[in-house]
N, C-alpha and C. Protein backbone atom coordinates (compact mmCIF):
# COMPACT_ATOMS: atom_id res chain seq x y z
N MET A 1 5.94 -6.28 -15.03
CA MET A 1 6.80 -5.15 -14.72
C MET A 1 8.19 -5.66 -14.38
N GLN A 2 9.16 -4.81 -14.68
CA GLN A 2 10.53 -5.16 -14.35
C GLN A 2 11.37 -3.92 -14.11
N ILE A 3 12.41 -4.11 -13.32
CA ILE A 3 13.37 -3.05 -13.07
C ILE A 3 14.55 -3.28 -14.00
N ILE A 4 14.93 -2.21 -14.70
CA ILE A 4 16.06 -2.26 -15.62
C ILE A 4 17.24 -1.57 -14.94
N LYS A 5 18.31 -2.35 -14.71
CA LYS A 5 19.50 -1.82 -14.01
C LYS A 5 20.73 -1.81 -14.90
N GLU A 6 20.64 -2.44 -16.06
CA GLU A 6 21.79 -2.49 -16.96
C GLU A 6 21.29 -2.45 -18.40
N LYS A 7 22.20 -2.30 -19.33
CA LYS A 7 21.86 -2.19 -20.75
C LYS A 7 20.90 -3.31 -21.15
N THR A 8 19.81 -2.91 -21.80
CA THR A 8 18.73 -3.83 -22.16
C THR A 8 18.39 -3.65 -23.63
N PRO A 9 18.10 -4.73 -24.33
CA PRO A 9 17.72 -4.61 -25.75
C PRO A 9 16.42 -3.82 -25.93
N PHE A 10 16.37 -3.06 -26.98
CA PHE A 10 15.17 -2.27 -27.32
C PHE A 10 13.94 -3.17 -27.40
N GLN A 11 14.12 -4.41 -27.81
CA GLN A 11 13.00 -5.34 -27.98
C GLN A 11 12.23 -5.56 -26.67
N ILE A 12 12.90 -5.40 -25.55
CA ILE A 12 12.22 -5.52 -24.25
C ILE A 12 11.16 -4.43 -24.12
N LEU A 13 11.48 -3.21 -24.56
CA LEU A 13 10.49 -2.13 -24.54
C LEU A 13 9.32 -2.44 -25.46
N VAL A 14 9.63 -2.97 -26.62
CA VAL A 14 8.58 -3.32 -27.58
C VAL A 14 7.63 -4.34 -26.96
N LYS A 15 8.19 -5.36 -26.33
CA LYS A 15 7.37 -6.39 -25.69
C LYS A 15 6.49 -5.81 -24.59
N GLU A 16 7.07 -4.96 -23.76
CA GLU A 16 6.30 -4.34 -22.67
C GLU A 16 5.22 -3.41 -23.22
N ALA A 17 5.52 -2.69 -24.28
CA ALA A 17 4.53 -1.79 -24.89
C ALA A 17 3.33 -2.57 -25.38
N GLU A 18 3.56 -3.72 -25.97
CA GLU A 18 2.47 -4.54 -26.51
C GLU A 18 1.50 -5.01 -25.44
N GLU A 19 1.96 -5.11 -24.20
CA GLU A 19 1.12 -5.57 -23.10
C GLU A 19 -0.08 -4.65 -22.84
N TYR A 20 0.12 -3.32 -22.90
CA TYR A 20 -0.93 -2.38 -22.54
C TYR A 20 -1.28 -1.38 -23.64
N TYR A 21 -0.29 -0.73 -24.21
CA TYR A 21 -0.56 0.44 -25.02
C TYR A 21 -0.16 0.32 -26.48
N GLY A 22 0.51 -0.72 -26.88
CA GLY A 22 0.86 -0.93 -28.28
C GLY A 22 2.14 -0.26 -28.70
N ASP A 23 2.16 1.08 -28.69
CA ASP A 23 3.34 1.80 -29.17
C ASP A 23 3.99 2.66 -28.09
N MET A 24 3.60 2.45 -26.85
CA MET A 24 4.13 3.25 -25.75
C MET A 24 4.30 2.37 -24.51
N VAL A 25 5.36 2.64 -23.78
CA VAL A 25 5.58 1.96 -22.50
C VAL A 25 5.75 3.03 -21.42
N LYS A 26 5.06 2.83 -20.32
CA LYS A 26 5.24 3.72 -19.18
C LYS A 26 6.51 3.31 -18.45
N ALA A 27 7.22 4.29 -17.92
CA ALA A 27 8.45 4.02 -17.18
C ALA A 27 8.57 5.01 -16.03
N VAL A 28 9.23 4.57 -14.97
CA VAL A 28 9.60 5.45 -13.87
C VAL A 28 11.10 5.34 -13.72
N VAL A 29 11.76 6.50 -13.72
CA VAL A 29 13.22 6.57 -13.68
C VAL A 29 13.67 7.08 -12.31
N ASP A 30 14.65 6.39 -11.74
CA ASP A 30 15.30 6.84 -10.52
C ASP A 30 16.56 7.58 -10.96
N VAL A 31 16.56 8.91 -10.83
CA VAL A 31 17.68 9.71 -11.33
C VAL A 31 18.92 9.61 -10.45
N GLU A 32 18.78 9.11 -9.25
CA GLU A 32 19.93 8.93 -8.36
C GLU A 32 20.61 7.59 -8.60
N ARG A 33 19.82 6.52 -8.68
CA ARG A 33 20.37 5.17 -8.87
C ARG A 33 20.59 4.83 -10.34
N GLU A 34 20.05 5.68 -11.23
CA GLU A 34 20.18 5.52 -12.68
C GLU A 34 19.63 4.18 -13.16
N ILE A 35 18.41 3.88 -12.69
CA ILE A 35 17.68 2.69 -13.09
C ILE A 35 16.27 3.10 -13.46
N MET A 36 15.48 2.15 -14.00
CA MET A 36 14.09 2.45 -14.30
C MET A 36 13.24 1.20 -14.16
N ALA A 37 11.97 1.41 -13.93
CA ALA A 37 10.99 0.33 -13.94
C ALA A 37 10.10 0.55 -15.16
N ILE A 38 9.76 -0.54 -15.83
CA ILE A 38 8.89 -0.47 -17.00
C ILE A 38 7.81 -1.53 -16.92
N GLY A 39 6.77 -1.33 -17.72
CA GLY A 39 5.79 -2.38 -17.92
C GLY A 39 4.54 -2.30 -17.08
N GLY A 40 4.39 -1.29 -16.27
CA GLY A 40 3.17 -1.17 -15.48
C GLY A 40 2.05 -0.52 -16.26
N GLU A 41 0.85 -0.77 -15.82
CA GLU A 41 -0.29 -0.09 -16.43
C GLU A 41 -0.31 1.38 -16.01
N LEU A 42 0.14 1.64 -14.79
CA LEU A 42 0.19 2.99 -14.24
C LEU A 42 1.61 3.29 -13.75
N HIS A 43 1.99 4.55 -13.82
CA HIS A 43 3.29 4.95 -13.28
C HIS A 43 3.38 4.64 -11.80
N SER A 44 2.27 4.75 -11.09
CA SER A 44 2.29 4.49 -9.65
C SER A 44 2.64 3.04 -9.33
N ASP A 45 2.32 2.10 -10.22
CA ASP A 45 2.71 0.70 -10.02
C ASP A 45 4.23 0.56 -10.07
N GLU A 46 4.84 1.20 -11.06
CA GLU A 46 6.30 1.15 -11.21
C GLU A 46 6.99 1.91 -10.08
N GLU A 47 6.39 3.02 -9.69
CA GLU A 47 6.93 3.79 -8.57
C GLU A 47 6.97 2.92 -7.31
N ALA A 48 5.89 2.19 -7.04
CA ALA A 48 5.84 1.32 -5.86
C ALA A 48 6.90 0.23 -5.94
N MET A 49 7.11 -0.32 -7.13
CA MET A 49 8.13 -1.35 -7.30
C MET A 49 9.52 -0.81 -6.97
N LEU A 50 9.83 0.40 -7.45
CA LEU A 50 11.13 0.99 -7.18
C LEU A 50 11.29 1.37 -5.70
N LEU A 51 10.22 1.85 -5.09
CA LEU A 51 10.27 2.16 -3.65
C LEU A 51 10.57 0.89 -2.85
N ASP A 52 9.93 -0.21 -3.21
CA ASP A 52 10.19 -1.49 -2.55
C ASP A 52 11.64 -1.95 -2.77
N ASP A 53 12.25 -1.51 -3.86
CA ASP A 53 13.62 -1.89 -4.20
C ASP A 53 14.66 -0.95 -3.56
N GLY A 54 14.20 0.06 -2.82
CA GLY A 54 15.13 0.93 -2.12
C GLY A 54 15.25 2.35 -2.66
N SER A 55 14.50 2.68 -3.70
CA SER A 55 14.54 4.05 -4.23
C SER A 55 13.85 5.02 -3.29
N LEU A 56 14.21 6.28 -3.38
CA LEU A 56 13.54 7.35 -2.65
C LEU A 56 12.57 8.06 -3.58
N GLN A 57 11.39 8.36 -3.11
CA GLN A 57 10.35 8.95 -3.94
C GLN A 57 10.80 10.24 -4.60
N GLN A 58 11.59 11.05 -3.93
CA GLN A 58 12.03 12.33 -4.48
C GLN A 58 12.90 12.17 -5.73
N ASN A 59 13.43 10.96 -5.96
CA ASN A 59 14.29 10.70 -7.11
C ASN A 59 13.55 10.04 -8.28
N LEU A 60 12.26 9.80 -8.12
CA LEU A 60 11.50 9.05 -9.13
C LEU A 60 10.67 9.97 -10.00
N TRP A 61 10.76 9.76 -11.31
CA TRP A 61 10.05 10.58 -12.28
C TRP A 61 9.38 9.68 -13.32
N GLY A 62 8.11 9.96 -13.58
CA GLY A 62 7.35 9.17 -14.54
C GLY A 62 7.46 9.74 -15.95
N ILE A 63 7.64 8.84 -16.90
CA ILE A 63 7.73 9.22 -18.31
C ILE A 63 6.99 8.19 -19.16
N ASN A 64 6.80 8.51 -20.41
CA ASN A 64 6.31 7.57 -21.40
C ASN A 64 7.36 7.47 -22.50
N ILE A 65 7.59 6.26 -22.98
CA ILE A 65 8.53 6.05 -24.08
C ILE A 65 7.74 5.55 -25.28
N TRP A 66 7.76 6.34 -26.34
CA TRP A 66 7.05 6.01 -27.58
C TRP A 66 8.00 5.24 -28.48
N ILE A 67 7.78 3.95 -28.61
CA ILE A 67 8.75 3.08 -29.27
C ILE A 67 8.82 3.27 -30.78
N ASN A 68 7.84 3.92 -31.38
CA ASN A 68 7.84 4.13 -32.83
C ASN A 68 8.38 5.50 -33.24
N LYS A 69 8.86 6.28 -32.27
CA LYS A 69 9.41 7.60 -32.58
C LYS A 69 10.93 7.56 -32.58
N ASP A 70 11.54 8.54 -33.23
CA ASP A 70 12.99 8.68 -33.20
C ASP A 70 13.45 8.96 -31.77
N ARG A 71 14.66 8.58 -31.46
CA ARG A 71 15.18 8.76 -30.10
C ARG A 71 15.13 10.21 -29.62
N GLU A 72 15.25 11.14 -30.52
CA GLU A 72 15.20 12.55 -30.12
C GLU A 72 13.81 12.95 -29.62
N GLU A 73 12.80 12.15 -29.96
CA GLU A 73 11.41 12.51 -29.63
C GLU A 73 10.67 11.43 -28.84
N TRP A 74 11.32 10.35 -28.47
CA TRP A 74 10.59 9.21 -27.93
C TRP A 74 10.22 9.31 -26.46
N ILE A 75 10.80 10.27 -25.72
CA ILE A 75 10.48 10.40 -24.30
C ILE A 75 9.48 11.54 -24.09
N GLU A 76 8.40 11.19 -23.42
CA GLU A 76 7.37 12.16 -23.06
C GLU A 76 7.36 12.30 -21.53
N PHE A 77 7.57 13.50 -21.05
CA PHE A 77 7.63 13.77 -19.62
C PHE A 77 6.23 14.11 -19.13
N ASP A 78 5.46 13.08 -18.78
CA ASP A 78 4.06 13.30 -18.41
C ASP A 78 3.59 12.20 -17.48
N SER A 79 3.38 12.55 -16.21
CA SER A 79 2.89 11.57 -15.25
C SER A 79 2.33 12.29 -14.02
N MET A 80 1.28 11.72 -13.47
CA MET A 80 0.70 12.27 -12.24
C MET A 80 1.70 12.20 -11.09
N ILE A 81 2.60 11.21 -11.09
CA ILE A 81 3.55 11.11 -9.96
C ILE A 81 4.56 12.25 -9.96
N ASN A 82 4.62 13.00 -11.06
CA ASN A 82 5.56 14.12 -11.13
C ASN A 82 5.07 15.38 -10.43
N ILE A 83 3.80 15.43 -10.09
CA ILE A 83 3.27 16.61 -9.40
C ILE A 83 3.76 16.58 -7.96
N ARG A 84 4.66 17.49 -7.65
CA ARG A 84 5.21 17.56 -6.29
C ARG A 84 5.68 18.98 -6.00
N PRO A 85 4.77 19.78 -5.49
CA PRO A 85 5.09 21.18 -5.19
C PRO A 85 6.30 21.36 -4.27
N ARG A 86 6.53 20.43 -3.36
CA ARG A 86 7.66 20.56 -2.42
C ARG A 86 9.01 20.52 -3.14
N GLN A 87 9.01 20.01 -4.38
CA GLN A 87 10.23 19.99 -5.19
C GLN A 87 10.12 21.00 -6.35
N ASN A 88 9.21 21.94 -6.21
CA ASN A 88 8.97 22.97 -7.23
C ASN A 88 8.58 22.38 -8.59
N ASN A 89 7.87 21.28 -8.57
CA ASN A 89 7.35 20.69 -9.81
C ASN A 89 5.84 20.63 -9.66
N ARG A 90 5.17 21.59 -10.24
CA ARG A 90 3.73 21.75 -10.04
C ARG A 90 2.89 21.21 -11.19
N SER A 91 3.51 20.50 -12.11
CA SER A 91 2.76 19.96 -13.25
C SER A 91 3.08 18.48 -13.42
N LYS A 92 2.40 17.84 -14.37
CA LYS A 92 2.66 16.43 -14.68
C LYS A 92 3.96 16.26 -15.46
N GLY A 93 4.51 17.35 -15.96
CA GLY A 93 5.77 17.29 -16.68
C GLY A 93 6.94 17.29 -15.71
N VAL A 94 8.13 17.33 -16.26
CA VAL A 94 9.35 17.47 -15.45
C VAL A 94 9.88 18.86 -15.78
N GLU A 95 9.70 19.79 -14.85
CA GLU A 95 9.97 21.19 -15.13
C GLU A 95 11.46 21.54 -15.15
N SER A 96 12.26 20.80 -14.43
CA SER A 96 13.70 21.08 -14.37
C SER A 96 14.40 20.53 -15.62
N SER A 97 15.05 21.42 -16.37
CA SER A 97 15.78 20.97 -17.56
C SER A 97 16.93 20.05 -17.17
N GLU A 98 17.53 20.27 -16.01
CA GLU A 98 18.61 19.41 -15.53
C GLU A 98 18.10 17.99 -15.27
N THR A 99 16.94 17.88 -14.65
CA THR A 99 16.35 16.57 -14.38
C THR A 99 15.94 15.89 -15.68
N ARG A 100 15.36 16.63 -16.61
CA ARG A 100 14.99 16.05 -17.91
C ARG A 100 16.23 15.50 -18.61
N GLU A 101 17.32 16.24 -18.57
CA GLU A 101 18.57 15.79 -19.21
C GLU A 101 19.10 14.52 -18.56
N LYS A 102 19.03 14.45 -17.23
CA LYS A 102 19.45 13.23 -16.52
C LYS A 102 18.61 12.04 -16.98
N ILE A 103 17.31 12.25 -17.07
CA ILE A 103 16.40 11.17 -17.47
C ILE A 103 16.74 10.70 -18.88
N ILE A 104 16.93 11.62 -19.79
CA ILE A 104 17.28 11.27 -21.18
C ILE A 104 18.57 10.45 -21.20
N ASN A 105 19.58 10.88 -20.47
CA ASN A 105 20.86 10.17 -20.44
C ASN A 105 20.70 8.77 -19.86
N ILE A 106 19.92 8.65 -18.80
CA ILE A 106 19.71 7.33 -18.18
C ILE A 106 19.02 6.39 -19.15
N ILE A 107 17.96 6.87 -19.81
CA ILE A 107 17.23 6.04 -20.78
C ILE A 107 18.16 5.61 -21.91
N ASN A 108 18.91 6.55 -22.43
CA ASN A 108 19.81 6.22 -23.55
C ASN A 108 20.92 5.26 -23.14
N ASN A 109 21.34 5.30 -21.87
CA ASN A 109 22.35 4.36 -21.39
C ASN A 109 21.77 2.98 -21.10
N LEU A 110 20.49 2.92 -20.75
CA LEU A 110 19.86 1.64 -20.43
C LEU A 110 19.30 0.90 -21.62
N VAL A 111 18.93 1.64 -22.66
CA VAL A 111 18.30 1.00 -23.84
C VAL A 111 19.13 1.31 -25.08
């Protein structure tokens, strides 16, 4: 697992995907700090890594990045860590279109 804080080659995602899932890498994005953790078997592993690095849980969102899809379709908003009724997010998805847009922008700026 690693935290991505600056522009990173796409090949890093490919390498991380090969570790567990082949064509997909799990990621957790901090929408406030505009960073992400990748390479864990579970989103909760990456979430813990970011929390240890100073992130706040309310800013962390789990996604999947499908490395064989076009950029318009490669982000899947689906993670158990996203279920948080106190933030009006009652599903595994990211219900706020504003938050989804932030996540997309962060991913596109980092990779």
